[in-house]
Amino acid sequence: MLQARVPPVPTDQAEPRQATFLGAKPEPAPNGALEVQRMSGKKNLVLAVLVLATVAVAPAAQAQMRPSWELTPFGGWFLAGDLYSYSGGTLRVDDAVTFGGRIGANLNDQFGIEVSYAHANSDLSYTGVLPADSPGLGSVGFDEIDLNGNFGSGFYRQAYGYFTFGMGMTVFTPHTFQVDSGTITRFATNIGIGGKYFFHPKLGLRIDARYRLTSTDITTDGGTYCDPYWGCYSYYSTWYDTGEITAGLTYKLGGQ
């Protein structure tokens, strides 16, 4: 029985079968093109993931940097110091209740600024010798206005502490010997520490303790000190020091 034999096609002349679209045969891919396309696809995928992550994180970062305005009414205790001392006696200012308010903004999670006002009215007393017919000494009012910077970390957490430093002025309003003698305004500076705890997204508890120095332009304290090596010398101070311990409710007006 006769069988027809078809000669084999040489290997170097064989062409792979490829699907055609509308009768057009695609050109064969160059050597290594498939690997390049795979690598390019992976790079595009990684780039897309990075772009999506950036888009998702950017609003959160911008929200965190948005200033958070806060309002804090407070009350507490005013710790007064001796207003004037000399060898014959001391003019004392009694401790008193203080109250006021603070408004400020946390510019980021580590720094904020605020303006504060506090008022106290203290009775005056004197240790020493006064004439028998001297009327009562009276009282003195304190109005304290300050601009402070608050430093800490995590100002957007539920609870955090801070250090504060600022300057401003103290307005004295004496009512002595049954006479109102006007007001006296002097430069002041203060330092302190505090903390906040937010039991609600918009409302929290704040405690604050501050030490204050006011320049009086008069001698508030002085004396003489002697030692066996340098002899005796006199000293005096024109600064009046006070303190305050306060607590209040902080309400967030905007931002986080």
Protein backbone atom coordinates (compact mmCIF):
# COMPACT_ATOMS: atom_id res chain seq x y z
CA MET A 1 0.00 0.00 0.00
CA LEU A 2 1.46 3.30 -1.06
CA GLN A 3 1.63 6.18 1.47
CA ALA A 4 2.51 9.78 0.64
CA ARG A 5 5.31 11.20 2.72
CA VAL A 6 5.41 14.93 3.37
CA PRO A 7 8.89 16.25 3.86
CA PRO A 8 9.33 17.93 7.27
CA VAL A 9 9.61 21.66 7.43
CA PRO A 10 13.00 22.83 8.72
CA THR A 11 12.93 24.01 12.32
CA ASP A 12 14.49 27.38 11.57
CA GLN A 13 11.72 28.08 9.05
CA ALA A 14 8.75 27.05 11.26
CA GLU A 15 6.43 29.81 12.48
CA PRO A 16 4.33 29.57 15.65
CA ARG A 17 0.59 29.61 15.30
CA GLN A 18 -0.79 32.90 16.53
CA ALA A 19 -4.33 34.16 16.75
CA THR A 20 -5.23 36.79 14.23
CA PHE A 21 -7.60 39.67 14.56
CA LEU A 22 -9.51 40.63 11.44
CA GLY A 23 -7.14 38.54 9.43
CA ALA A 24 -4.01 40.48 10.45
CA LYS A 25 -1.15 38.44 11.81
CA PRO A 26 0.70 40.18 14.68
CA GLU A 27 4.42 40.70 14.49
CA PRO A 28 6.48 38.36 16.64
CA ALA A 29 7.57 39.89 19.96
CA PRO A 30 11.25 40.72 20.25
CA ASN A 31 13.41 38.61 22.50
CA GLY A 32 12.88 39.51 26.21
CA ALA A 33 9.90 41.80 25.56
CA LEU A 34 7.59 39.63 27.70
CA GLU A 35 9.86 40.00 30.75
CA VAL A 36 10.07 43.78 30.28
CA GLN A 37 6.28 44.01 30.13
CA ARG A 38 5.91 41.99 33.34
CA MET A 39 8.43 44.20 35.17
CA SER A 40 6.70 47.34 33.90
CA GLY A 41 3.35 46.02 35.15
CA LYS A 42 4.76 45.42 38.64
CA LYS A 43 6.20 48.93 38.74
CA ASN A 44 2.88 50.42 37.74
CA LEU A 45 1.11 48.42 40.44
CA VAL A 46 3.56 49.60 43.12
CA LEU A 47 3.24 53.19 41.91
CA ALA A 48 -0.55 52.98 42.05
CA VAL A 49 -0.44 51.65 45.64
CA LEU A 50 1.88 54.48 46.70
CA VAL A 51 -0.38 57.10 45.12
CA LEU A 52 -3.46 55.67 46.84
CA ALA A 53 -1.66 55.58 50.19
CA THR A 54 -0.55 59.20 49.77
CA VAL A 55 -4.07 60.32 48.89
CA ALA A 56 -5.47 58.47 51.91
CA VAL A 57 -2.90 59.81 54.42
CA ALA A 58 -2.76 63.43 53.21
CA PRO A 59 -6.21 64.48 54.54
CA ALA A 60 -5.42 62.99 57.96
CA ALA A 61 -2.10 64.85 58.09
CA GLN A 62 -3.75 68.10 57.06
CA ALA A 63 -6.46 67.60 59.69
CA GLN A 64 -3.84 67.03 62.37
CA MET A 65 -2.06 70.26 61.49
CA ARG A 66 -5.29 72.29 61.52
CA PRO A 67 -5.30 74.67 64.53
CA SER A 68 -7.55 73.54 67.35
CA TRP A 69 -9.13 76.52 69.14
CA GLU A 70 -9.96 76.11 72.82
CA LEU A 71 -11.83 78.17 75.41
CA THR A 72 -11.25 77.59 79.15
CA PRO A 73 -13.09 79.37 81.97
CA PHE A 74 -11.36 78.63 85.28
CA GLY A 75 -11.30 79.30 88.99
CA GLY A 76 -8.80 78.61 91.73
CA TRP A 77 -6.58 80.01 94.43
CA PHE A 78 -4.34 83.09 94.24
CA LEU A 79 -1.13 82.71 96.28
CA ALA A 80 0.03 86.20 97.23
CA GLY A 81 3.43 87.23 98.54
CA ASP A 82 4.61 90.02 100.80
CA LEU A 83 4.25 93.26 98.88
CA TYR A 84 6.78 95.27 100.87
CA SER A 85 9.29 94.39 103.59
CA TYR A 86 11.82 96.38 105.57
CA SER A 87 13.41 96.20 108.99
CA GLY A 88 10.40 97.74 110.75
CA GLY A 89 7.65 95.56 109.35
CA THR A 90 6.05 93.81 106.37
CA LEU A 91 3.06 94.72 104.22
CA ARG A 92 1.32 91.44 103.48
CA VAL A 93 -1.21 90.50 100.83
CA ASP A 94 -3.58 87.72 101.81
CA ASP A 95 -4.30 84.72 99.58
CA ALA A 96 -7.60 84.91 97.75
CA VAL A 97 -9.93 83.29 95.23
CA THR A 98 -9.10 83.92 91.58
CA PHE A 99 -11.10 83.42 88.39
CA GLY A 100 -10.76 84.15 84.69
CA GLY A 101 -10.54 82.61 81.25
CA ARG A 102 -8.13 81.50 78.54
CA ILE A 103 -8.54 81.27 74.77
CA GLY A 104 -5.89 79.78 72.52
CA ALA A 105 -5.01 77.53 69.63
CA ASN A 106 -2.87 74.40 69.34
CA LEU A 107 -0.90 75.12 66.16
CA ASN A 108 0.38 71.53 66.04
CA ASP A 109 0.72 68.58 68.42
CA GLN A 110 3.67 70.17 70.28
CA PHE A 111 3.04 73.92 70.46
CA GLY A 112 0.15 76.27 71.13
CA ILE A 113 -0.45 79.91 72.04
CA GLU A 114 -3.10 81.46 74.27
CA VAL A 115 -4.28 84.70 75.82
CA SER A 116 -5.43 84.64 79.44
CA TYR A 117 -7.09 86.94 81.96
CA ALA A 118 -7.34 86.42 85.73
CA HIS A 119 -8.70 88.52 88.57
CA ALA A 120 -8.22 88.37 92.33
CA ASN A 121 -8.96 90.74 95.20
CA SER A 122 -6.82 90.38 98.33
CA ASP A 123 -6.97 91.96 101.76
CA LEU A 124 -3.92 93.82 103.06
CA SER A 125 -2.36 93.20 106.44
CA TYR A 126 0.67 94.59 108.24
CA THR A 127 3.12 93.07 110.67
CA GLY A 128 4.88 95.73 112.70
CA VAL A 129 3.99 98.83 114.65
CA LEU A 130 1.19 101.11 113.41
CA PRO A 131 -0.27 104.16 115.14
CA ALA A 132 -3.25 103.32 117.32
CA ASP A 133 -5.60 105.54 115.31
CA SER A 134 -4.61 104.09 111.90
CA PRO A 135 -7.61 103.02 109.80
CA GLY A 136 -7.84 99.59 108.19
CA LEU A 137 -5.38 98.97 105.41
CA GLY A 138 -8.02 97.86 102.88
CA SER A 139 -7.44 95.60 99.90
CA VAL A 140 -5.80 95.45 96.48
CA GLY A 141 -7.15 94.07 93.21
CA PHE A 142 -5.06 92.12 90.72
CA ASP A 143 -5.92 91.94 87.01
CA GLU A 144 -3.47 89.74 85.09
CA ILE A 145 -3.34 89.68 81.28
CA ASP A 146 -0.85 87.38 79.55
CA LEU A 147 0.22 85.92 76.23
CA ASN A 148 1.69 82.43 76.69
CA GLY A 149 3.24 79.69 74.64
CA ASN A 150 2.44 76.09 75.61
CA PHE A 151 4.98 73.37 74.91
CA GLY A 152 4.41 69.62 75.11
CA SER A 153 3.65 66.56 73.00
CA GLY A 154 0.48 64.86 71.84
CA PHE A 155 -1.81 67.91 71.97
CA TYR A 156 -4.39 65.88 70.03
CA ARG A 157 -4.46 62.94 72.45
CA GLN A 158 -7.14 62.39 75.06
CA ALA A 159 -4.78 63.34 77.90
CA TYR A 160 -1.50 65.25 77.87
CA GLY A 161 0.68 67.61 79.90
CA TYR A 162 2.42 70.84 78.96
CA PHE A 163 4.91 73.51 80.05
CA THR A 164 3.92 77.16 79.65
CA PHE A 165 5.89 80.41 79.52
CA GLY A 166 4.68 83.91 78.79
CA MET A 167 4.59 87.58 79.59
CA GLY A 168 2.07 90.35 79.98
CA MET A 169 1.02 92.83 82.62
CA THR A 170 -0.41 93.07 86.10
CA VAL A 171 -2.86 95.86 86.91
CA PHE A 172 -2.92 96.78 90.63
CA THR A 173 -6.04 98.51 91.99
CA PRO A 174 -5.45 99.44 95.63
CA HIS A 175 -8.23 100.40 98.01
CA THR A 176 -6.20 101.58 100.98
CA PHE A 177 -7.17 103.73 103.97
CA GLN A 178 -10.72 103.86 102.61
CA VAL A 179 -9.47 105.68 99.50
CA ASP A 180 -9.37 104.43 95.90
CA SER A 181 -5.99 105.55 94.56
CA GLY A 182 -6.41 104.54 90.91
CA THR A 183 -4.67 101.75 89.02
CA ILE A 184 -1.01 100.90 88.48
CA THR A 185 0.07 98.77 85.48
CA ARG A 186 3.36 96.87 85.54
CA PHE A 187 5.19 94.37 83.31
CA ALA A 188 4.95 90.70 84.36
CA THR A 189 6.21 87.29 83.29
CA ASN A 190 5.15 83.78 84.27
CA ILE A 191 6.03 80.11 83.96
CA GLY A 192 3.98 77.05 84.80
CA ILE A 193 2.89 73.49 84.12
CA GLY A 194 -0.48 71.93 83.48
CA GLY A 195 -2.46 69.07 82.03
CA LYS A 196 -5.69 68.32 80.15
CA TYR A 197 -7.97 65.32 80.06
CA PHE A 198 -10.79 65.15 77.48
CA PHE A 199 -13.69 62.96 78.58
CA HIS A 200 -15.61 64.07 75.46
CA PRO A 201 -14.33 64.95 71.95
CA LYS A 202 -15.19 68.60 72.61
CA LEU A 203 -14.96 68.92 76.40
CA GLY A 204 -12.19 68.28 78.88
CA LEU A 205 -10.80 69.06 82.34
CA ARG A 206 -7.76 71.34 82.69
CA ILE A 207 -5.53 71.99 85.69
CA ASP A 208 -2.81 74.64 85.75
CA ALA A 209 -0.17 75.94 88.19
CA ARG A 210 1.85 79.12 87.56
CA TYR A 211 4.53 81.23 89.19
CA ARG A 212 4.47 84.95 88.40
CA LEU A 213 6.90 87.84 88.73
CA THR A 214 5.77 91.46 88.42
CA SER A 215 8.14 94.41 88.20
CA THR A 216 6.90 97.04 90.66
CA ASP A 217 9.59 99.73 90.17
CA ILE A 218 9.76 100.03 93.95
CA THR A 219 11.71 98.10 96.56
CA THR A 220 9.58 95.12 97.59
CA ASP A 221 12.17 93.33 99.66
CA GLY A 222 15.60 94.02 101.06
CA GLY A 223 17.96 93.50 103.91
CA THR A 224 21.55 93.24 105.03
CA TYR A 225 23.71 90.14 104.94
CA CYS A 226 27.05 89.72 106.66
CA ASP A 227 29.70 87.01 106.48
CA PRO A 228 33.16 86.77 108.09
CA TYR A 229 35.05 86.95 104.78
CA TRP A 230 33.35 89.66 102.70
CA GLY A 231 31.78 91.78 105.42
CA CYS A 232 28.23 93.15 105.24
CA TYR A 233 26.27 94.26 102.22
CA SER A 234 22.69 95.27 101.49
CA TYR A 235 20.36 93.81 98.90
CA TYR A 236 16.91 94.67 97.59
CA SER A 237 14.41 93.53 94.97
CA THR A 238 11.80 95.33 92.89
CA TRP A 239 10.02 92.11 91.80
CA TYR A 240 6.77 90.97 93.37
CA ASP A 241 6.15 87.22 93.19
CA THR A 242 2.80 85.45 93.29
CA GLY A 243 1.37 82.10 92.26
CA GLU A 244 -1.91 80.52 91.27
CA ILE A 245 -3.43 77.06 91.10
CA THR A 246 -6.51 76.77 88.90
CA ALA A 247 -8.87 74.25 87.34
CA GLY A 248 -11.44 74.63 84.60
CA LEU A 249 -13.35 73.11 81.70
CA THR A 250 -11.84 73.31 78.23
CA TYR A 251 -14.18 73.46 75.24
CA LYS A 252 -12.85 72.89 71.71
CA LEU A 253 -14.22 75.51 69.35
CA GLY A 254 -12.97 73.95 66.12
CA GLY A 255 -10.41 71.68 64.47
CA GLN A 256 -9.65 68.42 66.21
